[in-house]
Amino acid sequence: MSIDGIVGKAKEVAGKALDDKELQAKGILQQGVGEVKDGIDKAKQEVSDTAQKTKDEASSLLGNLGDKTKGLFDNAKEKVAETVIDVKEKIDEKTS
């Protein structure tokens, strides 16, 4: 419960005890304000948590993509090197 909720409850109780309807109503209203603020704070935290989770997942995916891309590049580089060696050997055979 927020400060607004606590103060609002105190005002409501005091209003009942003093038979002061206005103070009681202000207390109830302040409790509502506290609940709205609590809801907003909770929503902010959930958005922040979701954003962080999304950022972490995206970072992980990009890291994995980078690893896969490097692996594909290294594999292609190796195949090109093998092909160059094969071509050189065939040239050497024909020129010998």
C-alpha atoms as a PDB file:
ATOM      1  CA  MET A   1       0.000   0.000   0.000  1.00  0.00           C
ATOM      2  CA  SER A   2       1.314   3.436  -0.923  1.00  0.00           C
ATOM      3  CA  ILE A   3       1.590   6.501   1.276  1.00  0.00           C
ATOM      4  CA  ASP A   4      -1.576   7.823  -0.353  1.00  0.00           C
ATOM      5  CA  GLY A   5      -3.369   4.628   0.604  1.00  0.00           C
ATOM      6  CA  ILE A   6      -2.216   4.793   4.207  1.00  0.00           C
ATOM      7  CA  VAL A   7      -2.989   8.498   4.617  1.00  0.00           C
ATOM      8  CA  GLY A   8      -6.301   8.026   2.841  1.00  0.00           C
ATOM      9  CA  LYS A   9      -7.288   5.200   5.160  1.00  0.00           C
ATOM     10  CA  ALA A  10      -6.346   7.332   8.177  1.00  0.00           C
ATOM     11  CA  LYS A  11      -8.508  10.187   6.874  1.00  0.00           C
ATOM     12  CA  GLU A  12     -11.401   7.824   6.230  1.00  0.00           C
ATOM     13  CA  VAL A  13     -11.214   6.364   9.758  1.00  0.00           C
ATOM     14  CA  ALA A  14     -10.836   9.827  11.299  1.00  0.00           C
ATOM     15  CA  GLY A  15     -13.801  11.051   9.263  1.00  0.00           C
ATOM     16  CA  LYS A  16     -15.937   8.163  10.515  1.00  0.00           C
ATOM     17  CA  ALA A  17     -14.844   8.735  14.116  1.00  0.00           C
ATOM     18  CA  LEU A  18     -15.507  12.462  13.930  1.00  0.00           C
ATOM     19  CA  ASP A  19     -18.667  12.036  11.852  1.00  0.00           C
ATOM     20  CA  ASP A  20     -17.016  14.257   9.213  1.00  0.00           C
ATOM     21  CA  LYS A  21     -18.358  13.054   5.846  1.00  0.00           C
ATOM     22  CA  GLU A  22     -16.079  15.360   3.859  1.00  0.00           C
ATOM     23  CA  LEU A  23     -12.922  14.071   5.580  1.00  0.00           C
ATOM     24  CA  GLN A  24     -14.157  10.519   5.151  1.00  0.00           C
ATOM     25  CA  ALA A  25     -14.806  11.115   1.420  1.00  0.00           C
ATOM     26  CA  LYS A  26     -11.372  12.722   0.976  1.00  0.00           C
ATOM     27  CA  GLY A  27      -9.818   9.681   2.621  1.00  0.00           C
ATOM     28  CA  ILE A  28     -11.627   7.293   0.296  1.00  0.00           C
ATOM     29  CA  LEU A  29     -10.607   9.411  -2.699  1.00  0.00           C
ATOM     30  CA  GLN A  30      -6.966   9.486  -1.572  1.00  0.00           C
ATOM     31  CA  GLN A  31      -6.979   5.709  -1.206  1.00  0.00           C
ATOM     32  CA  GLY A  32      -8.186   5.482  -4.803  1.00  0.00           C
ATOM     33  CA  VAL A  33      -5.375   7.775  -5.910  1.00  0.00           C
ATOM     34  CA  GLY A  34      -2.948   5.481  -4.096  1.00  0.00           C
ATOM     35  CA  GLU A  35      -4.333   2.425  -5.868  1.00  0.00           C
ATOM     36  CA  VAL A  36      -4.020   4.145  -9.248  1.00  0.00           C
ATOM     37  CA  LYS A  37      -0.413   5.127  -8.482  1.00  0.00           C
ATOM     38  CA  ASP A  38       0.343   1.562  -7.375  1.00  0.00           C
ATOM     39  CA  GLY A  39      -1.157   0.257 -10.621  1.00  0.00           C
ATOM     40  CA  ILE A  40       0.918   2.671 -12.687  1.00  0.00           C
ATOM     41  CA  ASP A  41       4.090   1.704 -10.821  1.00  0.00           C
ATOM     42  CA  LYS A  42       3.332  -1.978 -11.363  1.00  0.00           C
ATOM     43  CA  ALA A  43       2.679  -1.399 -15.082  1.00  0.00           C
ATOM     44  CA  LYS A  44       5.938   0.556 -15.418  1.00  0.00           C
ATOM     45  CA  GLN A  45       7.846  -2.280 -13.793  1.00  0.00           C
ATOM     46  CA  GLU A  46       6.214  -4.876 -16.041  1.00  0.00           C
ATOM     47  CA  VAL A  47       7.041  -2.821 -19.141  1.00  0.00           C
ATOM     48  CA  SER A  48      10.624  -2.414 -17.935  1.00  0.00           C
ATOM     49  CA  ASP A  49      10.946  -6.148 -17.226  1.00  0.00           C
ATOM     50  CA  THR A  50       9.483  -7.038 -20.631  1.00  0.00           C
ATOM     51  CA  ALA A  51      11.780  -4.576 -22.404  1.00  0.00           C
ATOM     52  CA  GLN A  52      14.835  -6.018 -20.633  1.00  0.00           C
ATOM     53  CA  LYS A  53      13.767  -9.579 -21.441  1.00  0.00           C
ATOM     54  CA  THR A  54      13.231  -8.634 -25.100  1.00  0.00           C
ATOM     55  CA  LYS A  55      16.621  -6.903 -25.210  1.00  0.00           C
ATOM     56  CA  ASP A  56      18.324  -9.968 -23.702  1.00  0.00           C
ATOM     57  CA  GLU A  57      16.604 -12.328 -26.143  1.00  0.00           C
ATOM     58  CA  ALA A  58      17.463 -10.127 -29.140  1.00  0.00           C
ATOM     59  CA  SER A  59      21.071  -9.917 -28.014  1.00  0.00           C
ATOM     60  CA  SER A  60      21.227 -13.679 -27.674  1.00  0.00           C
ATOM     61  CA  LEU A  61      19.689 -14.207 -31.111  1.00  0.00           C
ATOM     62  CA  LEU A  62      22.088 -11.738 -32.710  1.00  0.00           C
ATOM     63  CA  GLY A  63      24.999 -13.417 -30.979  1.00  0.00           C
ATOM     64  CA  ASN A  64      23.884 -16.804 -32.264  1.00  0.00           C
ATOM     65  CA  LEU A  65      23.372 -15.367 -35.738  1.00  0.00           C
ATOM     66  CA  GLY A  66      26.883 -13.922 -35.654  1.00  0.00           C
ATOM     67  CA  ASP A  67      28.301 -17.287 -34.630  1.00  0.00           C
ATOM     68  CA  LYS A  68      26.403 -19.072 -37.417  1.00  0.00           C
ATOM     69  CA  THR A  69      27.434 -16.478 -39.990  1.00  0.00           C
ATOM     70  CA  LYS A  70      31.090 -16.820 -38.980  1.00  0.00           C
ATOM     71  CA  GLY A  71      30.780 -20.590 -39.227  1.00  0.00           C
ATOM     72  CA  LEU A  72      29.282 -20.345 -42.721  1.00  0.00           C
ATOM     73  CA  PHE A  73      31.956 -17.863 -43.791  1.00  0.00           C
ATOM     74  CA  ASP A  74      34.751 -20.068 -42.439  1.00  0.00           C
ATOM     75  CA  ASN A  75      33.252 -23.102 -44.185  1.00  0.00           C
ATOM     76  CA  ALA A  76      32.979 -21.212 -47.499  1.00  0.00           C
ATOM     77  CA  LYS A  77      36.548 -19.925 -47.121  1.00  0.00           C
ATOM     78  CA  GLU A  78      37.782 -23.479 -46.562  1.00  0.00           C
ATOM     79  CA  LYS A  79      35.938 -24.770 -49.627  1.00  0.00           C
ATOM     80  CA  VAL A  80      37.364 -21.973 -51.767  1.00  0.00           C
ATOM     81  CA  ALA A  81      40.867 -22.808 -50.534  1.00  0.00           C
ATOM     82  CA  GLU A  82      40.306 -26.484 -51.361  1.00  0.00           C
ATOM     83  CA  THR A  83      39.053 -25.587 -54.825  1.00  0.00           C
ATOM     84  CA  VAL A  84      42.067 -23.367 -55.467  1.00  0.00           C
ATOM     85  CA  ILE A  85      44.383 -26.211 -54.464  1.00  0.00           C
ATOM     86  CA  ASP A  86      42.496 -28.628 -56.741  1.00  0.00           C
ATOM     87  CA  VAL A  87      42.719 -26.196 -59.665  1.00  0.00           C
ATOM     88  CA  LYS A  88      46.454 -25.644 -59.084  1.00  0.00           C
ATOM     89  CA  GLU A  89      47.027 -29.407 -58.995  1.00  0.00           C
ATOM     90  CA  LYS A  90      45.122 -29.876 -62.262  1.00  0.00           C
ATOM     91  CA  ILE A  91      47.103 -27.055 -63.886  1.00  0.00           C
ATOM     92  CA  ASP A  92      50.334 -28.597 -62.649  1.00  0.00           C
ATOM     93  CA  GLU A  93      49.286 -32.005 -64.068  1.00  0.00           C
ATOM     94  CA  LYS A  94      48.537 -30.522 -67.484  1.00  0.00           C
ATOM     95  CA  THR A  95      51.696 -28.473 -67.635  1.00  0.00           C
ATOM     96  CA  SER A  96      53.997 -31.283 -66.484  1.00  0.00           C
END
